[in-house]
């Protein structure tokens, strides 16, 4: 999974084809729980570009997007938010896949 490098990159990506932003942090235990699962999900949903956003590095972006819990997921297509799965709760593979299926 590619990591976000700048706000400008974020703006460009969200205006492109299907992209799924994954908000995370190195210290987040629930985020690390997803580490072995995310490559499986990324492969299954290859129509999306998965981009990881470090919450600590992009705290202003998280505040502006109302991302107050991690891990969280926000999907965009051509600049339009398709949906969000945002909370501070641990997420399972089934919950993440159900979210993506609902988009």
C-alpha atoms as a PDB file:
ATOM      1  CA  UNK A   1       0.000   0.000   0.000  1.00  0.00           C
ATOM      2  CA  UNK A   2       1.286   3.402  -0.969  1.00  0.00           C
ATOM      3  CA  UNK A   3       1.758   6.071   1.710  1.00  0.00           C
ATOM      4  CA  UNK A   4       0.480   9.618   1.259  1.00  0.00           C
ATOM      5  CA  UNK A   5       3.338  12.111   0.908  1.00  0.00           C
ATOM      6  CA  UNK A   6       1.606  15.501   0.765  1.00  0.00           C
ATOM      7  CA  UNK A   7      -1.709  17.333   0.911  1.00  0.00           C
ATOM      8  CA  UNK A   8      -1.304  18.122  -2.790  1.00  0.00           C
ATOM      9  CA  UNK A   9      -1.021  14.411  -3.501  1.00  0.00           C
ATOM     10  CA  UNK A  10      -4.187  13.809  -1.461  1.00  0.00           C
ATOM     11  CA  UNK A  11      -6.114  16.385  -3.502  1.00  0.00           C
ATOM     12  CA  UNK A  12      -4.960  14.809  -6.755  1.00  0.00           C
ATOM     13  CA  UNK A  13      -5.748  11.270  -5.647  1.00  0.00           C
ATOM     14  CA  UNK A  14      -9.236  12.051  -4.369  1.00  0.00           C
ATOM     15  CA  UNK A  15     -10.090  13.621  -7.721  1.00  0.00           C
ATOM     16  CA  UNK A  16      -8.994  10.521  -9.630  1.00  0.00           C
ATOM     17  CA  UNK A  17     -10.657   7.181 -10.114  1.00  0.00           C
ATOM     18  CA  UNK A  18     -11.632   5.036  -7.139  1.00  0.00           C
ATOM     19  CA  UNK A  19      -9.355   5.537  -4.162  1.00  0.00           C
ATOM     20  CA  UNK A  20      -9.654   4.270  -0.603  1.00  0.00           C
ATOM     21  CA  UNK A  21      -7.785   6.252   2.035  1.00  0.00           C
ATOM     22  CA  UNK A  22      -6.738   4.253   5.093  1.00  0.00           C
ATOM     23  CA  UNK A  23      -6.057   6.447   8.126  1.00  0.00           C
ATOM     24  CA  UNK A  24      -3.627   4.867  10.544  1.00  0.00           C
ATOM     25  CA  UNK A  25      -0.692   5.468  12.919  1.00  0.00           C
ATOM     26  CA  UNK A  26       2.362   3.445  13.879  1.00  0.00           C
ATOM     27  CA  UNK A  27       1.416   3.392  17.571  1.00  0.00           C
ATOM     28  CA  UNK A  28      -2.193   2.281  16.963  1.00  0.00           C
ATOM     29  CA  UNK A  29      -2.675  -1.333  18.073  1.00  0.00           C
ATOM     30  CA  UNK A  30      -5.980  -1.704  16.207  1.00  0.00           C
ATOM     31  CA  UNK A  31      -4.240  -0.432  13.054  1.00  0.00           C
ATOM     32  CA  UNK A  32      -1.411  -2.964  13.460  1.00  0.00           C
ATOM     33  CA  UNK A  33      -4.083  -5.664  13.879  1.00  0.00           C
ATOM     34  CA  UNK A  34      -5.087  -4.912  10.261  1.00  0.00           C
ATOM     35  CA  UNK A  35      -1.545  -5.191   8.836  1.00  0.00           C
ATOM     36  CA  UNK A  36      -1.871  -8.855   7.743  1.00  0.00           C
ATOM     37  CA  UNK A  37      -5.451  -8.338   6.504  1.00  0.00           C
ATOM     38  CA  UNK A  38      -5.056  -5.212   4.370  1.00  0.00           C
ATOM     39  CA  UNK A  39      -2.992  -6.813   1.565  1.00  0.00           C
ATOM     40  CA  UNK A  40      -5.735  -9.430   1.141  1.00  0.00           C
ATOM     41  CA  UNK A  41      -8.428  -6.737   0.978  1.00  0.00           C
ATOM     42  CA  UNK A  42      -6.310  -4.627  -1.365  1.00  0.00           C
ATOM     43  CA  UNK A  43      -5.937  -7.572  -3.747  1.00  0.00           C
ATOM     44  CA  UNK A  44      -9.639  -8.460  -3.577  1.00  0.00           C
ATOM     45  CA  UNK A  45     -10.707  -4.869  -4.334  1.00  0.00           C
ATOM     46  CA  UNK A  46      -8.141  -4.056  -7.026  1.00  0.00           C
ATOM     47  CA  UNK A  47     -10.548  -1.545  -8.604  1.00  0.00           C
ATOM     48  CA  UNK A  48      -9.556   0.794  -5.732  1.00  0.00           C
ATOM     49  CA  UNK A  49      -6.198   2.421  -5.164  1.00  0.00           C
ATOM     50  CA  UNK A  50      -5.416   2.047  -1.467  1.00  0.00           C
ATOM     51  CA  UNK A  51      -3.503   4.937   0.117  1.00  0.00           C
ATOM     52  CA  UNK A  52      -2.354   4.913   3.728  1.00  0.00           C
ATOM     53  CA  UNK A  53      -2.424   8.234   5.587  1.00  0.00           C
ATOM     54  CA  UNK A  54      -0.384   8.597   8.771  1.00  0.00           C
ATOM     55  CA  UNK A  55      -2.672  10.349  11.233  1.00  0.00           C
ATOM     56  CA  UNK A  56       0.224  11.977  13.091  1.00  0.00           C
ATOM     57  CA  UNK A  57       1.874  13.293   9.930  1.00  0.00           C
ATOM     58  CA  UNK A  58      -1.399  14.672   8.510  1.00  0.00           C
ATOM     59  CA  UNK A  59      -3.264  15.684  11.676  1.00  0.00           C
ATOM     60  CA  UNK A  60      -4.724  18.841  10.054  1.00  0.00           C
ATOM     61  CA  UNK A  61      -6.145  16.776   7.190  1.00  0.00           C
ATOM     62  CA  UNK A  62      -7.683  14.373   9.713  1.00  0.00           C
ATOM     63  CA  UNK A  63      -9.276  17.245  11.634  1.00  0.00           C
ATOM     64  CA  UNK A  64     -10.628  18.795   8.425  1.00  0.00           C
ATOM     65  CA  UNK A  65     -12.110  15.438   7.407  1.00  0.00           C
ATOM     66  CA  UNK A  66     -13.544  14.641  10.876  1.00  0.00           C
ATOM     67  CA  UNK A  67     -11.288  11.606  11.287  1.00  0.00           C
ATOM     68  CA  UNK A  68     -11.149  11.394  15.069  1.00  0.00           C
ATOM     69  CA  UNK A  69     -10.658   7.654  15.368  1.00  0.00           C
ATOM     70  CA  UNK A  70      -8.330   5.212  13.675  1.00  0.00           C
ATOM     71  CA  UNK A  71      -8.175   2.951  11.839  1.00  0.00           C
ATOM     72  CA  UNK A  72     -10.632   4.622   9.490  1.00  0.00           C
ATOM     73  CA  UNK A  73     -11.465   4.373   5.804  1.00  0.00           C
ATOM     74  CA  UNK A  74     -12.757   7.014   3.374  1.00  0.00           C
ATOM     75  CA  UNK A  75     -13.488   6.265  -0.289  1.00  0.00           C
ATOM     76  CA  UNK A  76     -13.534   8.777  -3.143  1.00  0.00           C
ATOM     77  CA  UNK A  77     -14.252   8.669  -6.848  1.00  0.00           C
ATOM     78  CA  UNK A  78     -13.636  11.707  -9.075  1.00  0.00           C
ATOM     79  CA  UNK A  79     -13.684  14.108  -6.129  1.00  0.00           C
ATOM     80  CA  UNK A  80     -16.893  12.752  -4.612  1.00  0.00           C
ATOM     81  CA  UNK A  81     -16.839  10.977  -1.268  1.00  0.00           C
ATOM     82  CA  UNK A  82     -18.443   7.576  -1.776  1.00  0.00           C
ATOM     83  CA  UNK A  83     -18.518   6.595   1.879  1.00  0.00           C
ATOM     84  CA  UNK A  84     -16.651   6.436   5.133  1.00  0.00           C
ATOM     85  CA  UNK A  85     -16.038   3.868   7.841  1.00  0.00           C
ATOM     86  CA  UNK A  86     -14.751   6.090  10.620  1.00  0.00           C
ATOM     87  CA  UNK A  87     -14.512   5.148  14.266  1.00  0.00           C
ATOM     88  CA  UNK A  88     -11.970   4.372  16.925  1.00  0.00           C
ATOM     89  CA  UNK A  89     -13.099   0.746  17.129  1.00  0.00           C
ATOM     90  CA  UNK A  90     -11.092  -2.243  15.921  1.00  0.00           C
ATOM     91  CA  UNK A  91     -12.332  -3.389  12.525  1.00  0.00           C
ATOM     92  CA  UNK A  92     -12.491  -6.897  11.148  1.00  0.00           C
ATOM     93  CA  UNK A  93     -11.853  -8.059   7.596  1.00  0.00           C
ATOM     94  CA  UNK A  94     -15.565  -8.803   7.234  1.00  0.00           C
ATOM     95  CA  UNK A  95     -16.555  -5.301   8.382  1.00  0.00           C
ATOM     96  CA  UNK A  96     -14.093  -3.625   6.011  1.00  0.00           C
ATOM     97  CA  UNK A  97     -15.219  -5.762   3.081  1.00  0.00           C
ATOM     98  CA  UNK A  98     -18.890  -5.059   3.882  1.00  0.00           C
ATOM     99  CA  UNK A  99     -18.075  -1.327   3.876  1.00  0.00           C
ATOM    100  CA  UNK A 100     -16.331  -1.554   0.483  1.00  0.00           C
ATOM    101  CA  UNK A 101     -19.162  -3.702  -0.931  1.00  0.00           C
ATOM    102  CA  UNK A 102     -21.653  -1.021   0.136  1.00  0.00           C
ATOM    103  CA  UNK A 103     -19.923   1.722  -1.884  1.00  0.00           C
END
